[in-house]
């Protein structure tokens, strides 16, 4: 398209801005579509087609479904593997990491007095659990083939 054609197209767009096209200008849909009614099933059947109601001498079939995949059963996944039990030291570290702050928060909210040595043990359990879990973390990635994001 040359610059003049483009300028002329823009002038026509600006000149006709706001006008609505008339229905007579639109192409008719049925000019390009063959005559075929969807609501009338074709008489021919291919091998393997499911029987339709009214086909043959069977009469109306109440179990007929136009969507054969609905008749298939639902997918039932296999049972999950059992949850692995952590080693006792690691479980104690998790209890210290989450349990100690919860006990301190509950005591604070309900106004329960905790002696100083109980509070010190809870704070020490939190810090000790955190340090133990971080120090025993694996240095290798979970998936050896994963080098991180690829840009």
Protein backbone atom coordinates (compact mmCIF):
# COMPACT_ATOMS: atom_id res chain seq x y z
CA UNK A 1 0.00 0.00 0.00
CA UNK A 2 1.48 3.32 -1.04
CA UNK A 3 1.56 6.46 1.05
CA UNK A 4 -1.20 8.06 -1.09
CA UNK A 5 -3.50 5.03 -0.69
CA UNK A 6 -2.92 5.05 3.03
CA UNK A 7 -3.63 8.78 3.30
CA UNK A 8 -6.81 8.34 1.26
CA UNK A 9 -7.94 5.46 3.49
CA UNK A 10 -7.43 7.62 6.58
CA UNK A 11 -9.37 10.50 4.98
CA UNK A 12 -12.28 8.16 4.30
CA UNK A 13 -12.19 6.85 7.85
CA UNK A 14 -12.24 10.38 9.27
CA UNK A 15 -14.94 11.49 6.84
CA UNK A 16 -17.20 8.53 7.70
CA UNK A 17 -16.53 8.59 11.43
CA UNK A 18 -19.71 8.00 13.39
CA UNK A 19 -21.76 6.65 10.49
CA UNK A 20 -23.15 3.17 10.92
CA UNK A 21 -23.05 0.74 8.01
CA UNK A 22 -26.37 -0.25 6.57
CA UNK A 23 -27.50 -3.85 6.64
CA UNK A 24 -27.64 -3.97 2.83
CA UNK A 25 -23.88 -3.43 2.62
CA UNK A 26 -23.06 -6.55 4.68
CA UNK A 27 -22.52 -9.85 2.87
CA UNK A 28 -25.19 -12.45 3.44
CA UNK A 29 -24.10 -15.43 5.48
CA UNK A 30 -26.22 -17.96 3.60
CA UNK A 31 -24.52 -17.12 0.29
CA UNK A 32 -21.38 -18.92 1.47
CA UNK A 33 -22.94 -21.74 3.45
CA UNK A 34 -24.25 -24.92 1.91
CA UNK A 35 -27.78 -25.95 2.64
CA UNK A 36 -27.51 -28.36 5.57
CA UNK A 37 -29.80 -28.43 8.51
CA UNK A 38 -28.25 -29.40 11.82
CA UNK A 39 -31.50 -30.49 13.45
CA UNK A 40 -32.06 -33.17 10.80
CA UNK A 41 -29.68 -36.09 11.41
CA UNK A 42 -28.23 -37.66 8.32
CA UNK A 43 -29.45 -41.11 7.44
CA UNK A 44 -25.98 -42.51 6.95
CA UNK A 45 -24.13 -44.03 9.91
CA UNK A 46 -20.48 -44.80 10.06
CA UNK A 47 -19.20 -48.04 11.59
CA UNK A 48 -18.63 -47.57 15.30
CA UNK A 49 -21.18 -44.77 15.68
CA UNK A 50 -23.25 -45.18 18.84
CA UNK A 51 -26.88 -46.09 18.43
CA UNK A 52 -29.14 -43.06 18.56
CA UNK A 53 -32.67 -43.06 19.96
CA UNK A 54 -35.11 -44.05 17.27
CA UNK A 55 -32.50 -45.96 15.22
CA UNK A 56 -33.50 -49.46 14.25
CA UNK A 57 -36.03 -51.55 16.17
CA UNK A 58 -34.67 -50.94 19.66
CA UNK A 59 -36.89 -47.92 20.27
CA UNK A 60 -36.02 -45.25 22.80
CA UNK A 61 -32.95 -46.08 24.91
CA UNK A 62 -33.00 -44.35 28.30
CA UNK A 63 -29.24 -44.89 28.80
CA UNK A 64 -28.33 -43.12 25.58
CA UNK A 65 -25.96 -40.22 26.03
CA UNK A 66 -24.82 -37.97 23.18
CA UNK A 67 -21.55 -37.58 25.10
CA UNK A 68 -20.03 -41.05 25.50
CA UNK A 69 -17.19 -39.81 27.74
CA UNK A 70 -19.72 -38.96 30.46
CA UNK A 71 -20.54 -42.66 30.77
CA UNK A 72 -16.97 -43.52 31.65
CA UNK A 73 -16.15 -43.77 35.34
CA UNK A 74 -14.53 -40.99 37.26
CA UNK A 75 -10.78 -41.11 37.71
CA UNK A 76 -9.86 -42.43 41.12
CA UNK A 77 -6.23 -41.71 41.96
CA UNK A 78 -4.18 -44.36 43.71
CA UNK A 79 -3.85 -44.01 47.47
CA UNK A 80 -1.02 -41.66 48.47
CA UNK A 81 2.12 -43.10 50.01
CA UNK A 82 2.35 -42.93 53.80
CA UNK A 83 3.77 -39.76 55.30
CA UNK A 84 7.39 -40.34 56.27
CA UNK A 85 8.19 -40.02 59.98
CA UNK A 86 10.99 -37.60 60.78
CA UNK A 87 13.85 -38.67 62.99
CA UNK A 88 13.25 -37.79 66.68
CA UNK A 89 15.82 -34.93 66.86
CA UNK A 90 14.36 -33.30 63.76
CA UNK A 91 10.79 -33.66 65.09
CA UNK A 92 11.87 -32.06 68.39
CA UNK A 93 13.44 -29.18 66.44
CA UNK A 94 10.16 -28.59 64.59
CA UNK A 95 8.24 -28.65 67.86
CA UNK A 96 10.66 -26.10 69.31
CA UNK A 97 10.43 -23.92 66.21
CA UNK A 98 6.62 -23.77 66.13
CA UNK A 99 5.54 -24.89 69.58
CA UNK A 100 7.53 -22.42 71.70
CA UNK A 101 6.15 -19.25 70.04
CA UNK A 102 2.62 -20.64 70.20
CA UNK A 103 2.93 -21.35 73.94
CA UNK A 104 4.38 -17.87 74.57
CA UNK A 105 1.64 -16.21 72.48
CA UNK A 106 -1.17 -18.11 74.24
CA UNK A 107 0.30 -17.20 77.64
CA UNK A 108 0.51 -13.53 76.61
CA UNK A 109 -3.05 -13.39 75.20
CA UNK A 110 -4.68 -15.10 78.19
CA UNK A 111 -2.51 -13.34 80.78
CA UNK A 112 -0.93 -16.53 82.10
CA UNK A 113 2.17 -15.87 84.17
CA UNK A 114 5.16 -17.95 83.15
CA UNK A 115 8.20 -18.09 85.42
CA UNK A 116 11.39 -16.67 83.92
CA UNK A 117 13.06 -20.05 83.55
CA UNK A 118 10.06 -21.45 81.52
CA UNK A 119 10.19 -18.46 79.20
CA UNK A 120 13.96 -18.90 78.82
CA UNK A 121 13.51 -22.59 77.95
CA UNK A 122 10.84 -21.73 75.35
CA UNK A 123 13.01 -19.05 73.75
CA UNK A 124 16.00 -21.41 73.81
CA UNK A 125 13.87 -24.17 72.23
CA UNK A 126 12.84 -21.82 69.43
CA UNK A 127 16.41 -20.68 68.72
CA UNK A 128 17.83 -24.19 69.10
CA UNK A 129 15.22 -25.70 66.76
CA UNK A 130 15.90 -23.07 64.14
CA UNK A 131 19.69 -23.50 64.34
CA UNK A 132 19.42 -27.31 64.20
CA UNK A 133 17.12 -27.29 61.16
CA UNK A 134 19.26 -24.80 59.26
CA UNK A 135 22.52 -26.58 60.10
CA UNK A 136 21.20 -29.98 58.97
CA UNK A 137 19.75 -28.70 55.68
CA UNK A 138 21.02 -30.44 52.58
CA UNK A 139 23.51 -28.42 50.56
CA UNK A 140 22.43 -30.12 47.32
CA UNK A 141 19.29 -29.07 45.44
CA UNK A 142 16.26 -31.37 45.59
CA UNK A 143 16.36 -31.78 41.82
CA UNK A 144 19.97 -32.09 40.59
CA UNK A 145 18.95 -31.11 37.05
CA UNK A 146 17.40 -27.82 38.21
CA UNK A 147 19.82 -24.93 37.92
CA UNK A 148 17.19 -22.31 38.69
CA UNK A 149 15.39 -19.97 36.36
CA UNK A 150 16.40 -19.83 32.72
CA UNK A 151 16.07 -16.46 31.04
